[in-house]
Amino acid sequence: MSFIEMTGATLRHALHEDELNDDDLKKARVTDTTIVRVNHEGDIEVRRTHSWDVIGGLLGGFEERIRHATGLDWAE
């Protein structure tokens, strides 16, 4: 599966208001420096010590929005 990785700060700026909010990110322990990734289905995953945790998802049209916010393309 392909992903785009970013920091919590980049994710926060790329989110739309009908997606995760600041309280959701705090509950998921996502800080500005946390490593997160998004897959092609829009799942948002947070890097933990030994695994990745799914904390939510993005809604339609996110692919280009995430590529623009990060300057990255999808990678395996």
C-alpha atoms as a PDB file:
ATOM      1  CA  MET A   1       0.000   0.000   0.000  1.00  0.00           C
ATOM      2  CA  SER A   2       1.176   3.517  -0.734  1.00  0.00           C
ATOM      3  CA  PHE A   3       1.465   6.244   1.883  1.00  0.00           C
ATOM      4  CA  ILE A   4       2.511   9.846   2.312  1.00  0.00           C
ATOM      5  CA  GLU A   5       4.271  10.561   5.614  1.00  0.00           C
ATOM      6  CA  MET A   6       4.269  13.928   7.353  1.00  0.00           C
ATOM      7  CA  THR A   7       4.440  15.558  10.750  1.00  0.00           C
ATOM      8  CA  GLY A   8       1.476  16.228  12.951  1.00  0.00           C
ATOM      9  CA  ALA A   9       1.845  19.944  12.186  1.00  0.00           C
ATOM     10  CA  THR A  10       1.534  19.350   8.443  1.00  0.00           C
ATOM     11  CA  LEU A  11      -1.475  17.106   8.973  1.00  0.00           C
ATOM     12  CA  ARG A  12      -3.141  19.722  11.168  1.00  0.00           C
ATOM     13  CA  HIS A  13      -2.801  22.335   8.402  1.00  0.00           C
ATOM     14  CA  ALA A  14      -4.106  19.955   5.722  1.00  0.00           C
ATOM     15  CA  LEU A  15      -7.253  18.881   7.590  1.00  0.00           C
ATOM     16  CA  HIS A  16     -10.675  20.207   6.654  1.00  0.00           C
ATOM     17  CA  GLU A  17     -13.031  21.292   9.418  1.00  0.00           C
ATOM     18  CA  ASP A  18     -15.269  18.220   8.931  1.00  0.00           C
ATOM     19  CA  GLU A  19     -12.330  15.867   9.583  1.00  0.00           C
ATOM     20  CA  LEU A  20     -10.269  15.483  12.785  1.00  0.00           C
ATOM     21  CA  ASN A  21     -10.017  18.562  15.005  1.00  0.00           C
ATOM     22  CA  ASP A  22      -7.447  19.695  17.591  1.00  0.00           C
ATOM     23  CA  ASP A  23      -9.190  17.800  20.409  1.00  0.00           C
ATOM     24  CA  ASP A  24      -9.172  14.593  18.340  1.00  0.00           C
ATOM     25  CA  LEU A  25      -5.458  15.005  17.652  1.00  0.00           C
ATOM     26  CA  LYS A  26      -4.691  15.643  21.338  1.00  0.00           C
ATOM     27  CA  LYS A  27      -6.634  12.529  22.375  1.00  0.00           C
ATOM     28  CA  ALA A  28      -4.623  10.525  19.831  1.00  0.00           C
ATOM     29  CA  ARG A  29      -1.390  12.029  21.280  1.00  0.00           C
ATOM     30  CA  VAL A  30      -0.497  13.732  17.991  1.00  0.00           C
ATOM     31  CA  THR A  31       1.871  16.676  18.472  1.00  0.00           C
ATOM     32  CA  ASP A  32       3.478  18.911  15.859  1.00  0.00           C
ATOM     33  CA  THR A  33       6.478  16.561  15.664  1.00  0.00           C
ATOM     34  CA  THR A  34       4.591  13.250  15.645  1.00  0.00           C
ATOM     35  CA  ILE A  35       5.111  11.141  12.524  1.00  0.00           C
ATOM     36  CA  VAL A  36       1.856  10.332  10.756  1.00  0.00           C
ATOM     37  CA  ARG A  37       0.987   8.841   7.401  1.00  0.00           C
ATOM     38  CA  VAL A  38      -2.039   8.750   5.123  1.00  0.00           C
ATOM     39  CA  ASN A  39      -2.878   5.916   2.730  1.00  0.00           C
ATOM     40  CA  HIS A  40      -4.867   6.019  -0.525  1.00  0.00           C
ATOM     41  CA  GLU A  41      -8.060   5.149   1.341  1.00  0.00           C
ATOM     42  CA  GLY A  42      -7.617   8.242   3.530  1.00  0.00           C
ATOM     43  CA  ASP A  43      -6.751   6.407   6.739  1.00  0.00           C
ATOM     44  CA  ILE A  44      -4.590   8.496   9.077  1.00  0.00           C
ATOM     45  CA  GLU A  45      -2.044   6.423  10.989  1.00  0.00           C
ATOM     46  CA  VAL A  46       0.208   7.545  13.838  1.00  0.00           C
ATOM     47  CA  ARG A  47       3.674   6.095  14.412  1.00  0.00           C
ATOM     48  CA  ARG A  48       4.004   4.503  17.822  1.00  0.00           C
ATOM     49  CA  THR A  49       7.085   2.816  19.269  1.00  0.00           C
ATOM     50  CA  HIS A  50       6.395  -0.590  17.709  1.00  0.00           C
ATOM     51  CA  SER A  51       3.419  -0.072  15.427  1.00  0.00           C
ATOM     52  CA  TRP A  52       1.099   2.259  13.542  1.00  0.00           C
ATOM     53  CA  ASP A  53      -2.320   3.201  15.011  1.00  0.00           C
ATOM     54  CA  VAL A  54      -5.238   4.307  12.835  1.00  0.00           C
ATOM     55  CA  ILE A  55      -6.726   7.438  14.401  1.00  0.00           C
ATOM     56  CA  GLY A  56      -9.249   8.507  11.773  1.00  0.00           C
ATOM     57  CA  GLY A  57      -9.676   9.304   8.154  1.00  0.00           C
ATOM     58  CA  LEU A  58      -9.808  11.974   5.515  1.00  0.00           C
ATOM     59  CA  LEU A  59     -12.788  12.708   3.311  1.00  0.00           C
ATOM     60  CA  GLY A  60     -13.050  13.012  -0.481  1.00  0.00           C
ATOM     61  CA  GLY A  61     -10.520  14.824  -2.599  1.00  0.00           C
ATOM     62  CA  PHE A  62      -7.718  14.470  -0.084  1.00  0.00           C
ATOM     63  CA  GLU A  63      -5.104  12.935  -2.416  1.00  0.00           C
ATOM     64  CA  GLU A  64      -4.089  16.166  -4.126  1.00  0.00           C
ATOM     65  CA  ARG A  65      -4.529  18.159  -0.901  1.00  0.00           C
ATOM     66  CA  ILE A  66      -2.048  15.903   0.942  1.00  0.00           C
ATOM     67  CA  ARG A  67       0.429  15.913  -1.948  1.00  0.00           C
ATOM     68  CA  HIS A  68       0.289  19.706  -2.062  1.00  0.00           C
ATOM     69  CA  ALA A  69       0.630  20.100   1.736  1.00  0.00           C
ATOM     70  CA  THR A  70       3.666  17.806   1.938  1.00  0.00           C
ATOM     71  CA  GLY A  71       5.357  18.256  -1.433  1.00  0.00           C
ATOM     72  CA  LEU A  72       5.577  14.454  -1.549  1.00  0.00           C
ATOM     73  CA  ASP A  73       4.048  11.763  -3.714  1.00  0.00           C
ATOM     74  CA  TRP A  74       2.694   8.351  -2.736  1.00  0.00           C
ATOM     75  CA  ALA A  75       5.402   5.807  -1.847  1.00  0.00           C
ATOM     76  CA  GLU A  76       5.279   2.101  -1.046  1.00  0.00           C
END
